[in-house]
N, C-alpha and C. Protein backbone atom coordinates (compact mmCIF):
# COMPACT_ATOMS: atom_id res chain seq x y z
N MET A 1 16.09 10.42 9.82
CA MET A 1 15.02 11.32 8.84
C MET A 1 13.99 11.09 9.45
N PHE A 2 12.46 11.39 9.52
CA PHE A 2 11.10 11.01 9.37
C PHE A 2 10.38 11.57 8.07
N VAL A 3 9.52 10.69 7.69
CA VAL A 3 8.78 10.49 6.73
C VAL A 3 7.51 11.31 6.96
N LEU A 4 7.23 12.51 6.57
CA LEU A 4 5.39 13.17 6.83
C LEU A 4 4.64 13.15 5.51
N LYS A 5 3.96 12.53 6.12
CA LYS A 5 3.02 12.52 4.91
C LYS A 5 1.71 12.75 5.58
N LYS A 6 0.47 12.67 5.06
CA LYS A 6 -1.01 12.84 5.78
C LYS A 6 -1.38 11.99 5.70
N LYS A 7 -1.00 10.76 5.13
CA LYS A 7 -1.68 9.14 5.37
C LYS A 7 -1.21 7.90 5.17
N TYR A 8 -0.80 7.06 6.45
CA TYR A 8 0.29 6.06 6.00
C TYR A 8 -0.73 4.70 5.78
N TYR A 9 -0.69 3.91 4.78
CA TYR A 9 -1.46 2.55 4.70
C TYR A 9 -0.89 1.79 4.65
N LEU A 10 -1.26 0.83 5.68
CA LEU A 10 -0.70 -0.27 5.98
C LEU A 10 -1.49 -1.61 5.88
N ILE A 11 -0.47 -2.68 5.01
CA ILE A 11 -1.56 -3.52 4.23
C ILE A 11 -0.92 -4.63 5.29
N ILE A 12 -2.01 -5.32 5.96
CA ILE A 12 -1.33 -6.84 6.58
C ILE A 12 -2.25 -7.71 6.07
N GLU A 13 -1.77 -9.18 6.19
CA GLU A 13 -2.61 -10.49 6.14
C GLU A 13 -3.14 -11.01 7.28
N SER A 14 -2.66 -10.91 8.38
CA SER A 14 -3.23 -11.17 9.68
C SER A 14 -3.25 -10.28 10.70
N ILE A 15 -3.54 -10.36 11.39
CA ILE A 15 -3.80 -8.90 12.68
C ILE A 15 -2.79 -9.13 13.83
N LYS A 16 -2.19 -10.56 13.68
CA LYS A 16 -1.23 -10.94 14.41
C LYS A 16 0.48 -10.06 14.01
N ASN A 17 0.38 -9.48 12.60
CA ASN A 17 1.40 -8.78 11.96
C ASN A 17 1.60 -7.42 12.22
N ILE A 18 0.89 -6.87 13.29
CA ILE A 18 0.92 -5.75 13.48
C ILE A 18 0.05 -5.27 15.14
N ASN A 19 1.07 -4.54 15.93
CA ASN A 19 0.88 -4.43 17.40
C ASN A 19 0.36 -2.76 17.27
N LEU A 20 -0.98 -2.18 17.69
CA LEU A 20 -1.48 -1.15 17.14
C LEU A 20 -1.10 -0.38 18.50
N LYS A 21 -0.47 -0.62 19.50
CA LYS A 21 0.43 0.10 20.85
C LYS A 21 1.66 1.00 19.95
N ASN A 22 2.02 0.31 18.98
CA ASN A 22 3.26 1.34 18.47
C ASN A 22 2.99 2.54 17.97
N ILE A 23 1.64 2.40 17.50
CA ILE A 23 0.77 3.68 16.53
C ILE A 23 0.43 4.88 17.60
N LYS A 24 1.02 6.13 17.40
CA LYS A 24 0.75 6.89 18.14
C LYS A 24 0.16 8.10 17.62
N LYS A 25 -0.11 8.44 16.34
CA LYS A 25 -0.64 9.19 15.78
C LYS A 25 -2.09 9.05 15.38
N ARG A 26 -2.96 9.80 16.06
CA ARG A 26 -4.48 9.87 15.36
C ARG A 26 -4.63 10.10 13.93
N ASN A 27 -5.40 9.73 13.27
CA ASN A 27 -6.15 9.86 12.01
C ASN A 27 -5.31 10.06 11.00
N LYS A 28 -3.89 9.30 11.11
CA LYS A 28 -2.90 9.51 9.82
C LYS A 28 -2.77 7.73 9.38
N PHE A 29 -3.20 6.81 10.34
CA PHE A 29 -3.10 5.64 9.74
C PHE A 29 -4.09 4.88 9.14
N ILE A 30 -4.11 4.22 7.97
CA ILE A 30 -5.31 3.48 7.46
C ILE A 30 -4.77 1.60 7.61
N ILE A 31 -5.52 1.22 7.87
CA ILE A 31 -5.13 -0.20 7.75
C ILE A 31 -6.43 -1.32 7.13
N ILE A 32 -5.49 -2.03 6.01
CA ILE A 32 -6.20 -2.89 4.89
C ILE A 32 -5.67 -4.28 5.46
N TYR A 33 -7.01 -4.83 5.82
CA TYR A 33 -6.55 -6.19 6.04
C TYR A 33 -7.07 -7.09 5.02
N ARG A 34 -6.01 -8.00 4.79
CA ARG A 34 -6.14 -8.84 3.65
C ARG A 34 -6.62 -9.94 3.73
N GLY A 35 -6.50 -10.80 5.08
CA GLY A 35 -6.94 -11.71 5.69
C GLY A 35 -6.86 -12.97 4.61
N LYS A 36 -5.95 -13.46 3.79
CA LYS A 36 -6.05 -14.34 2.55
C LYS A 36 -6.02 -15.94 3.23
N ASN A 37 -5.53 -16.04 4.29
CA ASN A 37 -5.88 -17.56 4.80
C ASN A 37 -6.85 -17.67 5.66
N ASN A 38 -7.70 -16.78 6.16
CA ASN A 38 -8.80 -16.69 6.68
C ASN A 38 -8.74 -17.19 8.29
N SER A 39 -7.70 -17.41 8.70
CA SER A 39 -7.37 -17.86 9.90
C SER A 39 -7.76 -17.40 11.22
N GLU A 40 -7.90 -16.04 11.14
CA GLU A 40 -8.77 -15.49 12.04
C GLU A 40 -9.85 -15.93 11.99
N LYS A 41 -10.26 -15.30 13.92
CA LYS A 41 -11.43 -15.81 14.26
C LYS A 41 -12.52 -14.36 14.43
N LYS A 42 -13.67 -14.48 14.15
CA LYS A 42 -14.08 -13.42 13.85
C LYS A 42 -14.31 -12.25 15.07
N LYS A 43 -14.40 -13.00 15.99
CA LYS A 43 -13.85 -12.55 17.23
C LYS A 43 -12.86 -11.88 17.76
N ASP A 44 -11.60 -12.53 17.20
CA ASP A 44 -10.44 -11.66 17.24
C ASP A 44 -10.54 -9.98 16.19
N LEU A 45 -11.54 -10.45 15.40
CA LEU A 45 -11.31 -9.41 14.03
C LEU A 45 -11.99 -8.15 14.49
N PHE A 46 -13.18 -8.44 15.42
CA PHE A 46 -13.87 -7.26 16.04
C PHE A 46 -13.28 -6.83 16.84
N GLU A 47 -12.72 -7.69 17.51
CA GLU A 47 -11.61 -6.84 19.04
C GLU A 47 -10.80 -5.92 18.38
N PHE A 48 -10.07 -6.36 17.49
CA PHE A 48 -9.24 -5.65 16.25
C PHE A 48 -10.12 -4.09 15.93
N ARG A 49 -10.78 -4.22 15.22
CA ARG A 49 -11.95 -3.51 14.82
C ARG A 49 -11.75 -2.52 15.76
N LYS A 50 -12.38 -2.80 16.92
CA LYS A 50 -12.89 -2.30 18.15
C LYS A 50 -11.26 -1.34 18.73
N PHE A 51 -10.41 -1.94 18.73
CA PHE A 51 -8.84 -1.22 18.94
C PHE A 51 -9.01 -0.41 18.12
N CYS A 52 -8.65 -0.20 16.80
CA CYS A 52 -8.57 0.34 15.30
C CYS A 52 -9.84 1.65 15.93
N LYS A 53 -10.86 1.77 15.99
CA LYS A 53 -12.03 2.50 16.64
C LYS A 53 -11.31 3.44 17.48
N LEU A 54 -10.69 2.92 18.42
CA LEU A 54 -10.49 3.86 19.57
C LEU A 54 -9.12 4.42 19.49
N LYS A 55 -8.10 4.19 18.51
CA LYS A 55 -7.19 4.82 18.26
C LYS A 55 -7.28 5.92 16.91
N SER A 56 -8.54 5.55 16.85
CA SER A 56 -8.70 6.51 15.53
C SER A 56 -8.18 6.26 13.87
N ILE A 57 -7.92 4.84 14.14
CA ILE A 57 -7.08 3.93 12.85
C ILE A 57 -8.46 3.27 11.80
N ASP A 58 -8.22 4.26 10.58
CA ASP A 58 -9.56 3.43 9.72
C ASP A 58 -9.22 2.09 9.31
N PHE A 59 -10.25 1.59 9.20
CA PHE A 59 -9.84 0.13 8.92
C PHE A 59 -10.59 -0.57 7.77
N PHE A 60 -9.84 -1.29 6.47
CA PHE A 60 -10.35 -1.69 5.70
C PHE A 60 -10.26 -3.04 5.33
N VAL A 61 -11.58 -3.87 4.63
CA VAL A 61 -11.19 -5.42 4.33
C VAL A 61 -10.96 -5.34 2.88
N ALA A 62 -10.08 -6.40 2.64
CA ALA A 62 -9.84 -6.38 1.27
C ALA A 62 -10.74 -7.92 0.53
N ASN A 63 -11.37 -6.68 -0.66
CA ASN A 63 -12.05 -7.99 -1.31
C ASN A 63 -13.32 -8.75 -0.39
N ASN A 64 -13.64 -8.63 0.19
CA ASN A 64 -14.58 -9.18 1.26
C ASN A 64 -15.79 -8.20 1.35
N LEU A 65 -16.91 -7.88 0.73
CA LEU A 65 -17.90 -7.09 0.98
C LEU A 65 -18.37 -7.27 2.20
N ASN A 66 -18.85 -8.74 2.37
CA ASN A 66 -19.71 -9.36 3.39
C ASN A 66 -18.87 -9.06 4.93
N LEU A 67 -17.93 -9.55 4.79
CA LEU A 67 -16.89 -9.27 5.77
C LEU A 67 -16.68 -7.93 6.55
N ALA A 68 -16.47 -7.10 5.43
CA ALA A 68 -16.38 -5.70 5.75
C ALA A 68 -17.64 -5.08 6.52
N ARG A 69 -18.78 -5.56 6.03
CA ARG A 69 -20.03 -4.93 6.53
C ARG A 69 -20.50 -5.84 7.71
N GLU A 70 -19.53 -6.62 7.97
CA GLU A 70 -20.03 -7.33 9.79
C GLU A 70 -18.94 -6.70 10.41
N LEU A 71 -18.28 -6.48 9.94
CA LEU A 71 -17.23 -5.42 11.26
C LEU A 71 -17.70 -4.29 11.39
N CYS A 72 -18.29 -3.48 10.42
CA CYS A 72 -18.55 -2.44 10.23
C CYS A 72 -17.31 -1.52 10.22
N SER A 73 -16.42 -1.91 9.32
CA SER A 73 -14.95 -1.22 8.68
C SER A 73 -15.83 -0.01 7.71
N ASP A 74 -14.43 0.91 7.89
CA ASP A 74 -14.57 2.07 7.24
C ASP A 74 -14.92 2.12 5.73
N GLY A 75 -14.35 1.13 5.18
CA GLY A 75 -14.70 0.77 3.27
C GLY A 75 -14.03 -0.39 3.39
N VAL A 76 -14.16 -0.88 1.91
CA VAL A 76 -13.48 -2.08 1.43
C VAL A 76 -12.25 -1.71 0.43
N TYR A 77 -11.30 -2.47 0.37
CA TYR A 77 -10.02 -2.48 -0.50
C TYR A 77 -10.14 -3.36 -1.90
N LEU A 78 -10.14 -2.86 -3.06
CA LEU A 78 -10.60 -3.86 -3.80
C LEU A 78 -8.90 -3.77 -5.03
N SER A 79 -8.32 -5.07 -4.61
CA SER A 79 -7.38 -5.33 -5.52
C SER A 79 -7.32 -4.90 -7.08
N SER A 80 -6.21 -5.17 -7.76
CA SER A 80 -6.34 -4.91 -8.98
C SER A 80 -6.76 -6.06 -9.62
N TYR A 81 -6.73 -6.89 -9.36
CA TYR A 81 -7.55 -8.08 -10.19
C TYR A 81 -8.92 -8.21 -10.02
N ASN A 82 -9.38 -7.59 -9.00
CA ASN A 82 -11.04 -7.17 -8.41
C ASN A 82 -11.65 -6.25 -9.51
N LYS A 83 -12.69 -7.09 -10.52
CA LYS A 83 -12.80 -6.22 -11.58
C LYS A 83 -14.47 -5.69 -11.44
N SER A 84 -14.77 -6.20 -10.19
CA SER A 84 -16.38 -6.50 -9.86
C SER A 84 -16.97 -4.75 -9.71
N PHE A 85 -18.19 -4.51 -9.77
CA PHE A 85 -18.86 -3.16 -9.55
C PHE A 85 -19.57 -3.27 -8.75
N LYS A 86 -19.84 -4.33 -7.92
CA LYS A 86 -20.57 -4.66 -7.15
C LYS A 86 -20.39 -3.36 -5.52
N PRO A 87 -18.93 -3.23 -5.16
CA PRO A 87 -18.80 -2.51 -4.23
C PRO A 87 -19.55 -0.80 -4.49
N LEU A 88 -19.92 -0.59 -5.84
CA LEU A 88 -20.80 0.48 -5.96
C LEU A 88 -21.72 0.73 -4.85
N LEU A 89 -22.39 -0.36 -4.83
CA LEU A 89 -23.83 -0.44 -4.18
C LEU A 89 -23.61 0.38 -2.66
N PHE A 90 -22.68 -0.26 -2.04
CA PHE A 90 -22.01 0.18 -0.62
C PHE A 90 -21.32 1.60 -0.72
N LYS A 91 -21.23 2.26 -1.73
CA LYS A 91 -20.75 3.80 -1.65
C LYS A 91 -22.32 4.49 -0.87
N LYS A 92 -23.50 4.11 -1.01
CA LYS A 92 -24.60 4.42 -0.69
C LYS A 92 -25.16 4.19 0.56
N LEU A 93 -24.01 3.31 1.45
CA LEU A 93 -24.06 3.17 2.95
C LEU A 93 -22.87 4.07 3.76
N ARG A 94 -22.31 4.84 2.97
CA ARG A 94 -21.12 5.80 3.23
C ARG A 94 -19.61 4.70 3.59
N PHE A 95 -19.65 3.86 2.68
CA PHE A 95 -18.36 2.80 2.63
C PHE A 95 -17.81 3.47 1.78
N ARG A 96 -16.27 3.59 1.96
CA ARG A 96 -15.11 4.16 1.34
C ARG A 96 -14.57 2.69 0.54
N ILE A 97 -14.11 3.67 -0.69
CA ILE A 97 -13.59 2.35 -1.54
C ILE A 97 -11.98 2.64 -1.78
N ILE A 98 -11.18 1.52 -1.16
CA ILE A 98 -9.55 2.23 -1.97
C ILE A 98 -9.77 0.87 -3.34
N GLY A 99 -8.62 1.19 -4.00
CA GLY A 99 -8.72 0.14 -5.04
C GLY A 99 -6.70 0.16 -4.90
N SER A 100 -6.62 -0.83 -5.90
CA SER A 100 -4.66 -0.79 -6.18
C SER A 100 -4.77 -1.08 -7.91
N ALA A 101 -4.06 -0.68 -8.34
CA ALA A 101 -3.48 -0.91 -9.97
C ALA A 101 -2.23 -1.02 -10.07
N HIS A 102 -1.93 -1.73 -11.42
CA HIS A 102 -0.37 -1.75 -11.83
C HIS A 102 -0.49 -0.99 -13.33
N SER A 103 -1.21 -0.11 -13.72
CA SER A 103 -1.20 0.45 -15.28
C SER A 103 -2.30 1.53 -15.14
N ASN A 104 -1.73 2.05 -16.34
CA ASN A 104 -3.22 3.35 -16.64
C ASN A 104 -4.65 2.53 -16.93
N LYS A 105 -4.78 1.25 -17.38
CA LYS A 105 -5.77 1.06 -17.93
C LYS A 105 -6.34 0.43 -16.34
N GLU A 106 -5.84 0.12 -15.64
CA GLU A 106 -6.47 -0.43 -14.43
C GLU A 106 -6.92 0.77 -13.48
N ILE A 107 -5.91 1.79 -13.81
CA ILE A 107 -6.18 3.20 -12.89
C ILE A 107 -7.84 3.53 -13.36
N TYR A 108 -7.71 3.37 -14.52
CA TYR A 108 -9.49 3.84 -15.13
C TYR A 108 -10.39 3.18 -14.58
N LEU A 109 -10.26 1.81 -14.38
CA LEU A 109 -11.03 0.59 -13.83
C LEU A 109 -11.52 1.29 -12.53
N LYS A 110 -10.41 1.58 -11.87
CA LYS A 110 -10.78 1.83 -10.34
C LYS A 110 -11.30 3.10 -10.10
N ILE A 111 -11.02 4.10 -11.08
CA ILE A 111 -12.27 5.07 -10.94
C ILE A 111 -13.43 4.89 -11.42
N LYS A 112 -13.95 4.18 -12.20
CA LYS A 112 -15.17 3.35 -12.37
C LYS A 112 -15.90 2.81 -11.35
N GLN A 113 -14.98 1.94 -10.78
CA GLN A 113 -15.51 1.53 -9.44
C GLN A 113 -15.62 2.42 -8.29
N GLY A 114 -15.28 3.29 -8.23
CA GLY A 114 -15.74 4.31 -7.56
C GLY A 114 -14.55 4.43 -6.22
N CYS A 115 -13.38 4.04 -6.78
CA CYS A 115 -12.18 3.90 -5.81
C CYS A 115 -11.89 5.83 -5.41
N GLU A 116 -12.41 6.19 -4.19
CA GLU A 116 -11.33 7.58 -3.75
C GLU A 116 -10.09 7.99 -3.53
N VAL A 117 -9.47 6.23 -3.29
CA VAL A 117 -7.77 6.56 -3.21
C VAL A 117 -7.39 5.37 -4.27
N ILE A 118 -6.40 5.58 -5.40
CA ILE A 118 -5.80 4.19 -5.72
C ILE A 118 -4.10 3.96 -5.54
N LEU A 119 -3.99 2.91 -4.50
CA LEU A 119 -2.48 2.57 -4.43
C LEU A 119 -2.07 1.82 -5.85
N PHE A 120 -1.20 2.86 -6.34
CA PHE A 120 -0.53 2.39 -7.44
C PHE A 120 0.76 1.42 -7.26
N SER A 121 1.29 0.63 -7.85
CA SER A 121 2.51 -0.32 -7.98
C SER A 121 3.31 -0.10 -8.83
N LYS A 122 4.08 -0.29 -8.78
CA LYS A 122 5.62 -0.66 -7.80
C LYS A 122 6.27 0.77 -8.10
N LEU A 123 6.53 0.85 -7.46
CA LEU A 123 7.08 2.12 -7.01
C LEU A 123 8.96 2.16 -7.14
N PHE A 124 9.05 1.27 -6.11
CA PHE A 124 10.74 0.73 -6.54
C PHE A 124 10.80 -1.00 -6.55
N ILE A 125 11.97 -1.39 -7.09
CA ILE A 125 12.41 -2.59 -7.27
C ILE A 125 12.10 -3.31 -5.89
N VAL A 126 11.43 -4.35 -6.02
CA VAL A 126 10.65 -5.16 -4.90
C VAL A 126 11.71 -6.47 -4.59
N ASP A 127 12.01 -6.97 -3.69
CA ASP A 127 12.69 -8.00 -3.32
C ASP A 127 12.46 -9.09 -3.78
N TYR A 128 11.38 -9.62 -3.92
CA TYR A 128 10.83 -10.86 -4.46
C TYR A 128 10.78 -11.22 -6.07
N ASP A 129 11.14 -10.31 -6.82
CA ASP A 129 11.11 -10.36 -8.36
C ASP A 129 11.96 -8.72 -8.71
N MET A 130 13.17 -9.05 -8.78
CA MET A 130 13.87 -8.19 -8.93
C MET A 130 14.18 -7.58 -10.58
N LYS A 131 13.54 -8.24 -11.38
CA LYS A 131 13.17 -7.82 -12.68
C LYS A 131 12.05 -7.31 -13.17
N ALA A 132 11.21 -7.42 -12.09
CA ALA A 132 9.92 -6.48 -12.33
C ALA A 132 10.01 -5.21 -12.82
N PRO A 133 9.31 -4.72 -13.61
CA PRO A 133 9.38 -3.20 -14.13
C PRO A 133 8.85 -2.48 -12.78
N PHE A 134 9.38 -1.46 -12.43
CA PHE A 134 9.02 -0.16 -11.47
C PHE A 134 8.93 1.26 -11.73
N LEU A 135 8.34 1.94 -11.22
CA LEU A 135 8.04 3.21 -11.69
C LEU A 135 9.44 4.10 -11.20
N GLY A 136 9.56 4.18 -10.06
CA GLY A 136 10.50 5.25 -9.98
C GLY A 136 10.18 6.67 -9.57
N VAL A 137 10.37 7.65 -8.72
CA VAL A 137 9.78 9.08 -8.36
C VAL A 137 9.50 9.61 -9.46
N THR A 138 10.23 9.95 -10.29
CA THR A 138 10.07 10.88 -11.39
C THR A 138 8.57 10.19 -12.43
N LYS A 139 8.79 9.09 -12.47
CA LYS A 139 7.46 8.21 -13.44
C LYS A 139 6.24 8.40 -12.43
N PHE A 140 6.32 7.99 -11.42
CA PHE A 140 5.13 8.24 -10.58
C PHE A 140 4.48 9.28 -10.17
N ASN A 141 5.65 10.74 -9.97
CA ASN A 141 4.83 12.48 -10.19
C ASN A 141 4.44 12.71 -11.06
N LYS A 142 4.63 11.95 -12.65
CA LYS A 142 4.31 12.11 -13.88
C LYS A 142 2.90 12.02 -14.22
N TYR A 143 2.45 10.47 -13.82
CA TYR A 143 1.02 10.11 -12.85
C TYR A 143 0.51 10.52 -12.22
N LEU A 144 1.16 11.17 -11.26
CA LEU A 144 0.11 11.98 -10.10
C LEU A 144 -0.10 13.52 -10.73
N ASN A 145 0.75 14.15 -12.08
CA ASN A 145 -0.12 15.58 -12.63
C ASN A 145 -1.60 14.73 -12.96
N HIS A 146 -1.75 13.81 -13.28
CA HIS A 146 -3.11 13.39 -14.16
C HIS A 146 -4.09 12.51 -13.22
N ASN A 147 -3.93 12.25 -12.05
CA ASN A 147 -4.61 11.63 -10.90
C ASN A 147 -3.94 12.10 -9.62
N LYS A 148 -4.77 13.10 -8.84
CA LYS A 148 -3.92 13.27 -7.59
C LYS A 148 -4.01 12.22 -6.62
N ASN A 149 -5.00 11.35 -6.60
CA ASN A 149 -5.46 10.30 -5.74
C ASN A 149 -5.00 9.13 -5.75
N LEU A 150 -3.58 9.14 -6.32
CA LEU A 150 -2.57 8.42 -6.45
C LEU A 150 -1.87 7.88 -4.88
N ILE A 151 -1.70 6.65 -4.58
CA ILE A 151 -0.50 6.51 -3.24
C ILE A 151 0.18 5.23 -3.80
N PRO A 152 1.71 6.12 -3.47
CA PRO A 152 2.72 4.64 -3.98
C PRO A 152 2.69 3.40 -2.75
N LEU A 153 2.87 2.32 -3.98
CA LEU A 153 3.19 1.11 -3.02
C LEU A 153 4.03 0.55 -3.82
N GLY A 154 4.85 -0.63 -3.17
CA GLY A 154 5.72 -1.29 -3.67
C GLY A 154 7.09 -0.69 -3.76
N GLY A 155 7.90 -1.81 -2.74
CA GLY A 155 9.67 -1.64 -2.98
C GLY A 155 9.84 -0.83 -1.60
N ILE A 156 8.97 0.03 -1.45
CA ILE A 156 8.95 0.90 0.06
C ILE A 156 9.70 0.00 0.98
N ASN A 157 11.12 0.36 1.72
CA ASN A 157 11.54 -0.26 2.70
C ASN A 157 12.43 1.00 3.13
N LEU A 158 12.63 0.20 4.73
CA LEU A 158 13.75 1.31 5.56
C LEU A 158 15.15 1.70 4.66
N LYS A 159 15.40 1.54 3.41
CA LYS A 159 16.54 2.11 3.01
C LYS A 159 16.28 3.17 2.34
N ASN A 160 15.14 2.82 1.18
CA ASN A 160 14.58 3.92 0.46
C ASN A 160 13.52 4.82 0.66
N LEU A 161 13.58 5.00 2.20
CA LEU A 161 12.41 5.40 3.02
C LEU A 161 12.41 7.03 2.54
N ASN A 162 13.70 7.76 2.35
CA ASN A 162 14.14 9.16 2.50
C ASN A 162 13.31 9.40 1.14
N LYS A 163 13.42 8.58 0.08
CA LYS A 163 13.19 9.03 -1.55
C LYS A 163 12.00 9.34 -1.34
N LEU A 164 10.85 8.90 -0.18
CA LEU A 164 9.62 9.50 -0.26
C LEU A 164 9.52 10.96 -0.34
N SER A 165 10.09 11.66 0.43
CA SER A 165 10.18 13.04 0.57
C SER A 165 9.80 13.85 -0.95
N MET A 166 10.48 13.18 -2.04
CA MET A 166 10.54 13.45 -2.97
C MET A 166 9.00 13.44 -3.88
N ILE A 167 8.41 12.85 -3.34
CA ILE A 167 6.98 12.09 -3.88
C ILE A 167 5.80 12.85 -3.65
N LYS A 168 5.04 13.42 -4.42
CA LYS A 168 3.91 14.63 -4.32
C LYS A 168 2.69 14.09 -3.91
N SER A 169 2.49 13.08 -3.52
CA SER A 169 1.60 12.17 -3.19
C SER A 169 1.47 12.71 -1.28
N ASN A 170 -0.17 12.62 -0.86
CA ASN A 170 -0.34 12.32 0.33
C ASN A 170 -0.01 11.72 0.94
N GLY A 171 0.47 10.27 0.55
CA GLY A 171 0.74 9.06 1.92
C GLY A 171 1.57 8.35 0.99
N PHE A 172 1.81 7.16 1.66
CA PHE A 172 2.27 5.69 1.13
C PHE A 172 1.90 4.58 1.21
N ALA A 173 1.85 3.67 0.75
CA ALA A 173 1.27 2.09 1.31
C ALA A 173 2.56 1.27 1.71
N LEU A 174 2.61 0.39 2.57
CA LEU A 174 3.72 -0.51 3.17
C LEU A 174 2.76 -1.69 3.12
N MET A 175 3.52 -2.85 2.69
CA MET A 175 2.73 -4.22 2.95
C MET A 175 4.08 -4.94 3.61
N SER A 176 5.19 -5.06 2.62
CA SER A 176 6.19 -6.33 3.24
C SER A 176 6.75 -6.03 4.40
N GLU A 177 7.04 -4.48 4.56
CA GLU A 177 8.09 -3.73 5.72
C GLU A 177 7.22 -3.76 6.95
N VAL A 178 5.78 -3.88 6.66
CA VAL A 178 5.34 -3.96 7.89
C VAL A 178 5.28 -5.13 8.80
N LYS A 179 5.49 -6.70 7.80
CA LYS A 179 5.84 -8.03 8.16
C LYS A 179 7.02 -8.02 8.71
N LYS A 180 7.97 -7.48 8.41
CA LYS A 180 9.52 -7.96 8.54
C LYS A 180 9.99 -6.95 9.53
N LYS A 181 9.99 -5.53 9.75
CA LYS A 181 10.69 -4.67 10.90
C LYS A 181 9.06 -3.47 11.25
N PRO A 182 8.51 -4.43 11.73
CA PRO A 182 7.27 -3.53 12.14
C PRO A 182 7.61 -2.05 13.00
N ALA A 183 8.59 -2.14 14.08
CA ALA A 183 8.89 -1.40 15.27
C ALA A 183 9.96 -0.46 14.62
N ASN A 184 10.52 -0.78 13.24
CA ASN A 184 11.28 0.34 12.98
C ASN A 184 11.01 1.20 12.01
N ILE A 185 10.10 0.48 11.44
CA ILE A 185 9.28 1.64 10.36
C ILE A 185 8.22 2.47 11.09
N PHE A 186 7.88 1.93 12.05
CA PHE A 186 6.67 3.09 13.12
C PHE A 186 7.50 4.41 13.51
N SER A 187 8.61 3.68 13.86
CA SER A 187 10.09 5.14 14.62
C SER A 187 10.16 5.97 13.48
N ARG A 188 10.18 5.36 12.43
CA ARG A 188 10.45 6.72 11.24
C ARG A 188 9.31 7.31 10.59
N LEU A 189 8.01 7.20 10.81
CA LEU A 189 6.99 7.75 10.60
C LEU A 189 6.65 8.80 10.86
N PHE A 190 7.67 8.92 12.15
CA PHE A 190 7.10 10.29 12.91
C PHE A 190 7.95 11.22 12.78
């Protein structure tokens, strides 16, 4: 079964985690580069960004406004712990802002920060913390009634991918599944 949504958000920590040649659809994918360890050379990042443009893939940089501007990225991604209002200054430069949140309080903060889309976590149980609270399909859809710009994130894997058809959101975000089984997940997204 295929999962059809308007947008697919792929969160990667390294440009080595993803092979852009697997992505066939244009204007559907958004890659969010977190680059926590900063081991990537700028030259490699520029090449990756250039290839994203050729494939019509939007490219966002997480929490690093200078790198986002340097790479001419499509925008910046603000993690839930990022409380700064500095990215609002970049809205004038046609920078798009994506945020992430775990609660209502954080959703309202991200709206104030100018985020056009908010990745809302956790939709399903995650492998690394089985006791952590999660939303589930019904509760997430209730949140969507109040804010249409929410995108589900967290716990989405090959086993529960079919449940995403019950979500009324325009897309969904993947993080750990992109690292574990990228070829399997891409084949299910078309």
